[in-house]
């Protein structure tokens, strides 16, 4: 017998990440300012769940498999900013 919780009653696993960044001022004059920014999204690479899919076994309808999908571990980023 399948047990169905109340509608939208499923609780997903905890989501947690650590983002870090640093900015380096390259040049500052009277006309403009230039800086480099380095950052790391999800610094310790935790595989947070993005999507969960439930699939019923075709041979045994009482068995359901759960598949968890995650997108990225960590993402580095570099940007160069100009201010006029």
PDB file of N, CA and C in Angstrom:
ATOM      1  N   UNK A   1       0.855  -1.176   0.000  1.00  0.00           N
ATOM      2  CA  UNK A   1       0.000   0.000   0.000  1.00  0.00           C
ATOM      3  C   UNK A   1       0.897   1.233   0.000  1.00  0.00           C
ATOM      4  N   UNK A   2       0.649   2.110  -0.949  1.00  0.00           N
ATOM      5  CA  UNK A   2       1.425   3.351  -1.027  1.00  0.00           C
ATOM      6  C   UNK A   2       0.884   4.349  -0.010  1.00  0.00           C
ATOM      7  N   UNK A   3       1.781   5.043   0.666  1.00  0.00           N
ATOM      8  CA  UNK A   3       1.382   6.081   1.616  1.00  0.00           C
ATOM      9  C   UNK A   3       1.680   7.436   0.980  1.00  0.00           C
ATOM     10  N   UNK A   4       0.677   8.256   0.856  1.00  0.00           N
ATOM     11  CA  UNK A   4       0.840   9.595   0.304  1.00  0.00           C
ATOM     12  C   UNK A   4       0.660  10.608   1.423  1.00  0.00           C
ATOM     13  N   UNK A   5       1.637  11.463   1.588  1.00  0.00           N
ATOM     14  CA  UNK A   5       1.535  12.534   2.587  1.00  0.00           C
ATOM     15  C   UNK A   5       0.590  13.607   2.053  1.00  0.00           C
ATOM     16  N   UNK A   6       0.332  14.585   2.876  1.00  0.00           N
ATOM     17  CA  UNK A   6      -0.529  15.665   2.404  1.00  0.00           C
ATOM     18  C   UNK A   6       0.123  16.350   1.203  1.00  0.00           C
ATOM     19  N   UNK A   7      -0.667  17.028   0.419  1.00  0.00           N
ATOM     20  CA  UNK A   7      -0.175  17.657  -0.797  1.00  0.00           C
ATOM     21  C   UNK A   7       0.975  18.617  -0.483  1.00  0.00           C
ATOM     22  N   UNK A   8       2.058  18.494  -1.234  1.00  0.00           N
ATOM     23  CA  UNK A   8       3.268  19.310  -1.057  1.00  0.00           C
ATOM     24  C   UNK A   8       3.853  19.166   0.347  1.00  0.00           C
ATOM     25  N   UNK A   9       3.660  18.019   0.977  1.00  0.00           N
ATOM     26  CA  UNK A   9       4.124  17.808   2.341  1.00  0.00           C
ATOM     27  C   UNK A   9       5.517  17.206   2.435  1.00  0.00           C
ATOM     28  N   UNK A  10       6.174  16.948   1.295  1.00  0.00           N
ATOM     29  CA  UNK A  10       7.511  16.354   1.328  1.00  0.00           C
ATOM     30  C   UNK A  10       8.538  17.396   1.763  1.00  0.00           C
ATOM     31  N   UNK A  11       9.464  16.998   2.616  1.00  0.00           N
ATOM     32  CA  UNK A  11      10.523  17.897   3.067  1.00  0.00           C
ATOM     33  C   UNK A  11      11.838  17.461   2.423  1.00  0.00           C
ATOM     34  N   UNK A  12      12.426  18.345   1.659  1.00  0.00           N
ATOM     35  CA  UNK A  12      13.691  18.064   0.978  1.00  0.00           C
ATOM     36  C   UNK A  12      14.846  18.094   1.983  1.00  0.00           C
ATOM     37  N   UNK A  13      15.969  17.461   1.643  1.00  0.00           N
ATOM     38  CA  UNK A  13      17.144  17.502   2.523  1.00  0.00           C
ATOM     39  C   UNK A  13      17.655  18.939   2.699  1.00  0.00           C
ATOM     40  N   UNK A  14      18.370  19.173   3.783  1.00  0.00           N
ATOM     41  CA  UNK A  14      18.897  20.508   4.080  1.00  0.00           C
ATOM     42  C   UNK A  14      19.829  20.984   2.965  1.00  0.00           C
ATOM     43  N   UNK A  15      19.732  22.260   2.638  1.00  0.00           N
ATOM     44  CA  UNK A  15      20.559  22.887   1.608  1.00  0.00           C
ATOM     45  C   UNK A  15      21.522  23.827   2.315  1.00  0.00           C
ATOM     46  N   UNK A  16      22.808  23.691   2.019  1.00  0.00           N
ATOM     47  CA  UNK A  16      23.795  24.544   2.669  1.00  0.00           C
ATOM     48  C   UNK A  16      24.976  24.737   1.734  1.00  0.00           C
ATOM     49  N   UNK A  17      25.509  25.950   1.722  1.00  0.00           N
ATOM     50  CA  UNK A  17      26.712  26.219   0.938  1.00  0.00           C
ATOM     51  C   UNK A  17      27.464  27.382   1.569  1.00  0.00           C
ATOM     52  N   UNK A  18      28.738  27.502   1.222  1.00  0.00           N
ATOM     53  CA  UNK A  18      29.574  28.602   1.697  1.00  0.00           C
ATOM     54  C   UNK A  18      30.156  29.296   0.475  1.00  0.00           C
ATOM     55  N   UNK A  19      29.887  30.583   0.321  1.00  0.00           N
ATOM     56  CA  UNK A  19      30.441  31.381  -0.767  1.00  0.00           C
ATOM     57  C   UNK A  19      31.504  32.304  -0.188  1.00  0.00           C
ATOM     58  N   UNK A  20      32.655  32.382  -0.864  1.00  0.00           N
ATOM     59  CA  UNK A  20      33.717  33.281  -0.414  1.00  0.00           C
ATOM     60  C   UNK A  20      34.160  34.150  -1.589  1.00  0.00           C
ATOM     61  N   UNK A  21      34.691  35.306  -1.276  1.00  0.00           N
ATOM     62  CA  UNK A  21      35.150  36.198  -2.332  1.00  0.00           C
ATOM     63  C   UNK A  21      36.140  37.214  -1.808  1.00  0.00           C
ATOM     64  N   UNK A  22      36.920  37.755  -2.737  1.00  0.00           N
ATOM     65  CA  UNK A  22      37.894  38.789  -2.401  1.00  0.00           C
ATOM     66  C   UNK A  22      37.964  39.776  -3.563  1.00  0.00           C
ATOM     67  N   UNK A  23      38.182  41.035  -3.241  1.00  0.00           N
ATOM     68  CA  UNK A  23      38.278  42.078  -4.260  1.00  0.00           C
ATOM     69  C   UNK A  23      39.620  42.787  -4.117  1.00  0.00           C
ATOM     70  N   UNK A  24      40.288  42.974  -5.249  1.00  0.00           N
ATOM     71  CA  UNK A  24      41.597  43.623  -5.286  1.00  0.00           C
ATOM     72  C   UNK A  24      41.477  44.904  -6.112  1.00  0.00           C
ATOM     73  N   UNK A  25      41.789  46.045  -5.512  1.00  0.00           N
ATOM     74  CA  UNK A  25      41.746  47.330  -6.205  1.00  0.00           C
ATOM     75  C   UNK A  25      42.987  47.440  -7.090  1.00  0.00           C
ATOM     76  N   UNK A  26      42.788  47.407  -8.416  1.00  0.00           N
ATOM     77  CA  UNK A  26      43.905  47.436  -9.360  1.00  0.00           C
ATOM     78  C   UNK A  26      44.422  48.860  -9.534  1.00  0.00           C
ATOM     79  N   UNK A  27      43.526  49.783  -9.865  1.00  0.00           N
ATOM     80  CA  UNK A  27      43.953  51.151 -10.118  1.00  0.00           C
ATOM     81  C   UNK A  27      42.818  52.115  -9.809  1.00  0.00           C
ATOM     82  N   UNK A  28      43.177  53.233  -9.199  1.00  0.00           N
ATOM     83  CA  UNK A  28      42.184  54.263  -8.901  1.00  0.00           C
ATOM     84  C   UNK A  28      42.774  55.609  -9.294  1.00  0.00           C
ATOM     85  N   UNK A  29      42.085  56.295 -10.196  1.00  0.00           N
ATOM     86  CA  UNK A  29      42.495  57.638 -10.612  1.00  0.00           C
ATOM     87  C   UNK A  29      41.310  58.573 -10.409  1.00  0.00           C
ATOM     88  N   UNK A  30      41.503  59.829 -10.793  1.00  0.00           N
ATOM     89  CA  UNK A  30      40.408  60.798 -10.679  1.00  0.00           C
ATOM     90  C   UNK A  30      39.280  60.478 -11.662  1.00  0.00           C
ATOM     91  N   UNK A  31      39.583  59.792 -12.784  1.00  0.00           N
ATOM     92  CA  UNK A  31      38.586  59.511 -13.819  1.00  0.00           C
ATOM     93  C   UNK A  31      37.918  58.146 -13.677  1.00  0.00           C
ATOM     94  N   UNK A  32      38.646  57.151 -13.201  1.00  0.00           N
ATOM     95  CA  UNK A  32      38.060  55.804 -13.124  1.00  0.00           C
ATOM     96  C   UNK A  32      38.703  54.973 -12.016  1.00  0.00           C
ATOM     97  N   UNK A  33      38.052  53.873 -11.726  1.00  0.00           N
ATOM     98  CA  UNK A  33      38.534  52.912 -10.729  1.00  0.00           C
ATOM     99  C   UNK A  33      38.417  51.516 -11.341  1.00  0.00           C
ATOM    100  N   UNK A  34      39.428  50.689 -11.148  1.00  0.00           N
ATOM    101  CA  UNK A  34      39.440  49.338 -11.708  1.00  0.00           C
ATOM    102  C   UNK A  34      39.740  48.341 -10.589  1.00  0.00           C
ATOM    103  N   UNK A  35      38.970  47.250 -10.549  1.00  0.00           N
ATOM    104  CA  UNK A  35      39.193  46.240  -9.514  1.00  0.00           C
ATOM    105  C   UNK A  35      38.927  44.836 -10.053  1.00  0.00           C
ATOM    106  N   UNK A  36      39.642  43.875  -9.498  1.00  0.00           N
ATOM    107  CA  UNK A  36      39.446  42.462  -9.818  1.00  0.00           C
ATOM    108  C   UNK A  36      38.744  41.792  -8.648  1.00  0.00           C
ATOM    109  N   UNK A  37      37.752  40.977  -8.966  1.00  0.00           N
ATOM    110  CA  UNK A  37      37.015  40.255  -7.924  1.00  0.00           C
ATOM    111  C   UNK A  37      37.131  38.755  -8.183  1.00  0.00           C
ATOM    112  N   UNK A  38      37.515  38.018  -7.170  1.00  0.00           N
ATOM    113  CA  UNK A  38      37.622  36.560  -7.231  1.00  0.00           C
ATOM    114  C   UNK A  38      36.609  35.980  -6.254  1.00  0.00           C
ATOM    115  N   UNK A  39      35.877  34.963  -6.683  1.00  0.00           N
ATOM    116  CA  UNK A  39      34.910  34.352  -5.772  1.00  0.00           C
ATOM    117  C   UNK A  39      34.790  32.857  -6.036  1.00  0.00           C
ATOM    118  N   UNK A  40      34.302  32.163  -5.031  1.00  0.00           N
ATOM    119  CA  UNK A  40      34.093  30.722  -5.118  1.00  0.00           C
ATOM    120  C   UNK A  40      32.721  30.412  -4.530  1.00  0.00           C
ATOM    121  N   UNK A  41      31.831  29.922  -5.380  1.00  0.00           N
ATOM    122  CA  UNK A  41      30.465  29.562  -5.003  1.00  0.00           C
ATOM    123  C   UNK A  41      30.476  28.126  -4.499  1.00  0.00           C
ATOM    124  N   UNK A  42      29.893  27.867  -3.342  1.00  0.00           N
ATOM    125  CA  UNK A  42      29.861  26.536  -2.726  1.00  0.00           C
ATOM    126  C   UNK A  42      31.295  26.043  -2.474  1.00  0.00           C
ATOM    127  N   UNK A  43      32.025  26.769  -1.659  1.00  0.00           N
ATOM    128  CA  UNK A  43      33.468  26.588  -1.482  1.00  0.00           C
ATOM    129  C   UNK A  43      33.900  25.173  -1.102  1.00  0.00           C
ATOM    130  N   UNK A  44      33.136  24.464  -0.282  1.00  0.00           N
ATOM    131  CA  UNK A  44      33.577  23.121   0.084  1.00  0.00           C
ATOM    132  C   UNK A  44      32.892  22.028  -0.714  1.00  0.00           C
ATOM    133  N   UNK A  45      32.249  22.371  -1.818  1.00  0.00           N
ATOM    134  CA  UNK A  45      31.777  21.392  -2.795  1.00  0.00           C
ATOM    135  C   UNK A  45      30.653  20.479  -2.347  1.00  0.00           C
ATOM    136  N   UNK A  46      29.794  20.935  -1.474  1.00  0.00           N
ATOM    137  CA  UNK A  46      28.674  20.093  -1.032  1.00  0.00           C
ATOM    138  C   UNK A  46      27.707  19.858  -2.192  1.00  0.00           C
ATOM    139  N   UNK A  47      27.269  18.622  -2.374  1.00  0.00           N
ATOM    140  CA  UNK A  47      26.350  18.268  -3.460  1.00  0.00           C
ATOM    141  C   UNK A  47      24.910  18.428  -2.973  1.00  0.00           C
ATOM    142  N   UNK A  48      24.427  19.665  -3.022  1.00  0.00           N
ATOM    143  CA  UNK A  48      23.063  19.971  -2.607  1.00  0.00           C
ATOM    144  C   UNK A  48      22.064  19.428  -3.620  1.00  0.00           C
ATOM    145  N   UNK A  49      20.939  18.967  -3.127  1.00  0.00           N
ATOM    146  CA  UNK A  49      19.916  18.388  -3.994  1.00  0.00           C
ATOM    147  C   UNK A  49      19.209  19.503  -4.758  1.00  0.00           C
ATOM    148  N   UNK A  50      19.180  19.364  -6.087  1.00  0.00           N
ATOM    149  CA  UNK A  50      18.491  20.313  -6.954  1.00  0.00           C
ATOM    150  C   UNK A  50      17.094  19.808  -7.313  1.00  0.00           C
ATOM    151  N   UNK A  51      16.985  18.494  -7.554  1.00  0.00           N
ATOM    152  CA  UNK A  51      15.714  17.913  -7.963  1.00  0.00           C
ATOM    153  C   UNK A  51      15.611  16.490  -7.421  1.00  0.00           C
ATOM    154  N   UNK A  52      14.408  16.081  -7.056  1.00  0.00           N
ATOM    155  CA  UNK A  52      14.154  14.723  -6.578  1.00  0.00           C
ATOM    156  C   UNK A  52      13.070  14.115  -7.459  1.00  0.00           C
ATOM    157  N   UNK A  53      13.331  12.886  -7.925  1.00  0.00           N
ATOM    158  CA  UNK A  53      12.366  12.205  -8.791  1.00  0.00           C
ATOM    159  C   UNK A  53      12.002  10.869  -8.165  1.00  0.00           C
ATOM    160  N   UNK A  54      10.713  10.555  -8.159  1.00  0.00           N
ATOM    161  CA  UNK A  54      10.213   9.283  -7.651  1.00  0.00           C
ATOM    162  C   UNK A  54       9.773   8.439  -8.837  1.00  0.00           C
ATOM    163  N   UNK A  55      10.183   7.178  -8.837  1.00  0.00           N
ATOM    164  CA  UNK A  55       9.821   6.288  -9.944  1.00  0.00           C
ATOM    165  C   UNK A  55       9.317   4.964  -9.388  1.00  0.00           C
ATOM    166  N   UNK A  56       8.124   4.557  -9.830  1.00  0.00           N
ATOM    167  CA  UNK A  56       7.533   3.289  -9.398  1.00  0.00           C
ATOM    168  C   UNK A  56       8.104   2.153 -10.230  1.00  0.00           C
ATOM    169  N   UNK A  57       8.453   1.055  -9.564  1.00  0.00           N
ATOM    170  CA  UNK A  57       8.976  -0.130 -10.234  1.00  0.00           C
ATOM    171  C   UNK A  57       7.870  -0.741 -11.095  1.00  0.00           C
ATOM    172  N   UNK A  58       8.167  -1.011 -12.361  1.00  0.00           N
ATOM    173  CA  UNK A  58       7.149  -1.524 -13.285  1.00  0.00           C
ATOM    174  C   UNK A  58       6.753  -2.969 -12.980  1.00  0.00           C
ATOM    175  N   UNK A  59       7.667  -3.784 -12.426  1.00  0.00           N
ATOM    176  CA  UNK A  59       7.345  -5.171 -12.089  1.00  0.00           C
ATOM    177  C   UNK A  59       6.652  -5.296 -10.733  1.00  0.00           C
ATOM    178  N   UNK A  60       7.052  -4.449  -9.792  1.00  0.00           N
ATOM    179  CA  UNK A  60       6.471  -4.492  -8.448  1.00  0.00           C
ATOM    180  C   UNK A  60       5.975  -3.090  -8.093  1.00  0.00           C
ATOM    181  N   UNK A  61       4.696  -2.855  -8.246  1.00  0.00           N
ATOM    182  CA  UNK A  61       4.131  -1.513  -8.067  1.00  0.00           C
ATOM    183  C   UNK A  61       4.187  -1.010  -6.628  1.00  0.00           C
ATOM    184  N   UNK A  62       4.515  -1.893  -5.670  1.00  0.00           N
ATOM    185  CA  UNK A  62       4.641  -1.470  -4.273  1.00  0.00           C
ATOM    186  C   UNK A  62       6.005  -0.849  -3.977  1.00  0.00           C
ATOM    187  N   UNK A  63       6.951  -0.957  -4.903  1.00  0.00           N
ATOM    188  CA  UNK A  63       8.301  -0.426  -4.693  1.00  0.00           C
ATOM    189  C   UNK A  63       8.480   0.870  -5.473  1.00  0.00           C
ATOM    190  N   UNK A  64       9.019   1.847  -4.795  1.00  0.00           N
ATOM    191  CA  UNK A  64       9.295   3.147  -5.410  1.00  0.00           C
ATOM    192  C   UNK A  64      10.759   3.493  -5.186  1.00  0.00           C
ATOM    193  N   UNK A  65      11.422   3.948  -6.234  1.00  0.00           N
ATOM    194  CA  UNK A  65      12.816   4.385  -6.137  1.00  0.00           C
ATOM    195  C   UNK A  65      12.863   5.903  -6.099  1.00  0.00           C
ATOM    196  N   UNK A  66      13.816   6.414  -5.339  1.00  0.00           N
ATOM    197  CA  UNK A  66      13.994   7.861  -5.216  1.00  0.00           C
ATOM    198  C   UNK A  66      15.341   8.222  -5.832  1.00  0.00           C
ATOM    199  N   UNK A  67      15.334   9.182  -6.747  1.00  0.00           N
ATOM    200  CA  UNK A  67      16.554   9.648  -7.398  1.00  0.00           C
ATOM    201  C   UNK A  67      16.763  11.114  -7.044  1.00  0.00           C
ATOM    202  N   UNK A  68      17.960  11.435  -6.544  1.00  0.00           N
ATOM    203  CA  UNK A  68      18.300  12.810  -6.176  1.00  0.00           C
ATOM    204  C   UNK A  68      19.349  13.324  -7.157  1.00  0.00           C
ATOM    205  N   UNK A  69      19.134  14.522  -7.651  1.00  0.00           N
ATOM    206  CA  UNK A  69      20.034  15.128  -8.625  1.00  0.00           C
ATOM    207  C   UNK A  69      20.609  16.418  -8.061  1.00  0.00           C
ATOM    208  N   UNK A  70      21.898  16.636  -8.325  1.00  0.00           N
ATOM    209  CA  UNK A  70      22.529  17.906  -7.960  1.00  0.00           C
ATOM    210  C   UNK A  70      23.236  18.445  -9.197  1.00  0.00           C
ATOM    211  N   UNK A  71      23.397  19.758  -9.257  1.00  0.00           N
ATOM    212  CA  UNK A  71      23.961  20.368 -10.458  1.00  0.00           C
ATOM    213  C   UNK A  71      25.471  20.545 -10.390  1.00  0.00           C
ATOM    214  N   UNK A  72      25.948  21.302  -9.427  1.00  0.00           N
ATOM    215  CA  UNK A  72      27.364  21.654  -9.382  1.00  0.00           C
ATOM    216  C   UNK A  72      27.927  21.421  -7.985  1.00  0.00           C
ATOM    217  N   UNK A  73      29.237  21.212  -7.923  1.00  0.00           N
ATOM    218  CA  UNK A  73      29.884  21.177  -6.615  1.00  0.00           C
ATOM    219  C   UNK A  73      30.343  22.598  -6.280  1.00  0.00           C
ATOM    220  N   UNK A  74      31.406  23.068  -6.879  1.00  0.00           N
ATOM    221  CA  UNK A  74      31.851  24.443  -6.640  1.00  0.00           C
ATOM    222  C   UNK A  74      32.052  25.142  -7.988  1.00  0.00           C
ATOM    223  N   UNK A  75      31.913  26.471  -7.980  1.00  0.00           N
ATOM    224  CA  UNK A  75      32.047  27.253  -9.208  1.00  0.00           C
ATOM    225  C   UNK A  75      32.958  28.449  -8.925  1.00  0.00           C
ATOM    226  N   UNK A  76      34.140  28.502  -9.557  1.00  0.00           N
ATOM    227  CA  UNK A  76      35.007  29.669  -9.394  1.00  0.00           C
ATOM    228  C   UNK A  76      34.551  30.804 -10.318  1.00  0.00           C
ATOM    229  N   UNK A  77      34.872  32.035  -9.934  1.00  0.00           N
ATOM    230  CA  UNK A  77      34.465  33.191 -10.736  1.00  0.00           C
ATOM    231  C   UNK A  77      35.508  34.293 -10.622  1.00  0.00           C
ATOM    232  N   UNK A  78      35.782  34.943 -11.760  1.00  0.00           N
ATOM    233  CA  UNK A  78      36.671  36.108 -11.797  1.00  0.00           C
ATOM    234  C   UNK A  78      35.930  37.202 -12.558  1.00  0.00           C
ATOM    235  N   UNK A  79      35.944  38.410 -12.020  1.00  0.00           N
ATOM    236  CA  UNK A  79      35.341  39.535 -12.739  1.00  0.00           C
ATOM    237  C   UNK A  79      36.238  40.763 -12.622  1.00  0.00           C
ATOM    238  N   UNK A  80      36.192  41.590 -13.651  1.00  0.00           N
ATOM    239  CA  UNK A  80      36.984  42.816 -13.697  1.00  0.00           C
ATOM    240  C   UNK A  80      36.003  43.972 -13.801  1.00  0.00           C
ATOM    241  N   UNK A  81      35.975  44.809 -12.796  1.00  0.00           N
ATOM    242  CA  UNK A  81      34.994  45.895 -12.714  1.00  0.00           C
ATOM    243  C   UNK A  81      35.648  47.249 -12.969  1.00  0.00           C
ATOM    244  N   UNK A  82      34.929  48.071 -13.726  1.00  0.00           N
ATOM    245  CA  UNK A  82      35.352  49.450 -13.979  1.00  0.00           C
ATOM    246  C   UNK A  82      34.273  50.391 -13.473  1.00  0.00           C
ATOM    247  N   UNK A  83      34.690  51.438 -12.807  1.00  0.00           N
ATOM    248  CA  UNK A  83      33.758  52.475 -12.357  1.00  0.00           C
ATOM    249  C   UNK A  83      34.241  53.810 -12.912  1.00  0.00           C
ATOM    250  N   UNK A  84      33.351  54.499 -13.604  1.00  0.00           N
ATOM    251  CA  UNK A  84      33.694  55.786 -14.217  1.00  0.00           C
ATOM    252  C   UNK A  84      33.137  56.919 -13.408  1.00  0.00           C
TER     253      UNK A  84
END
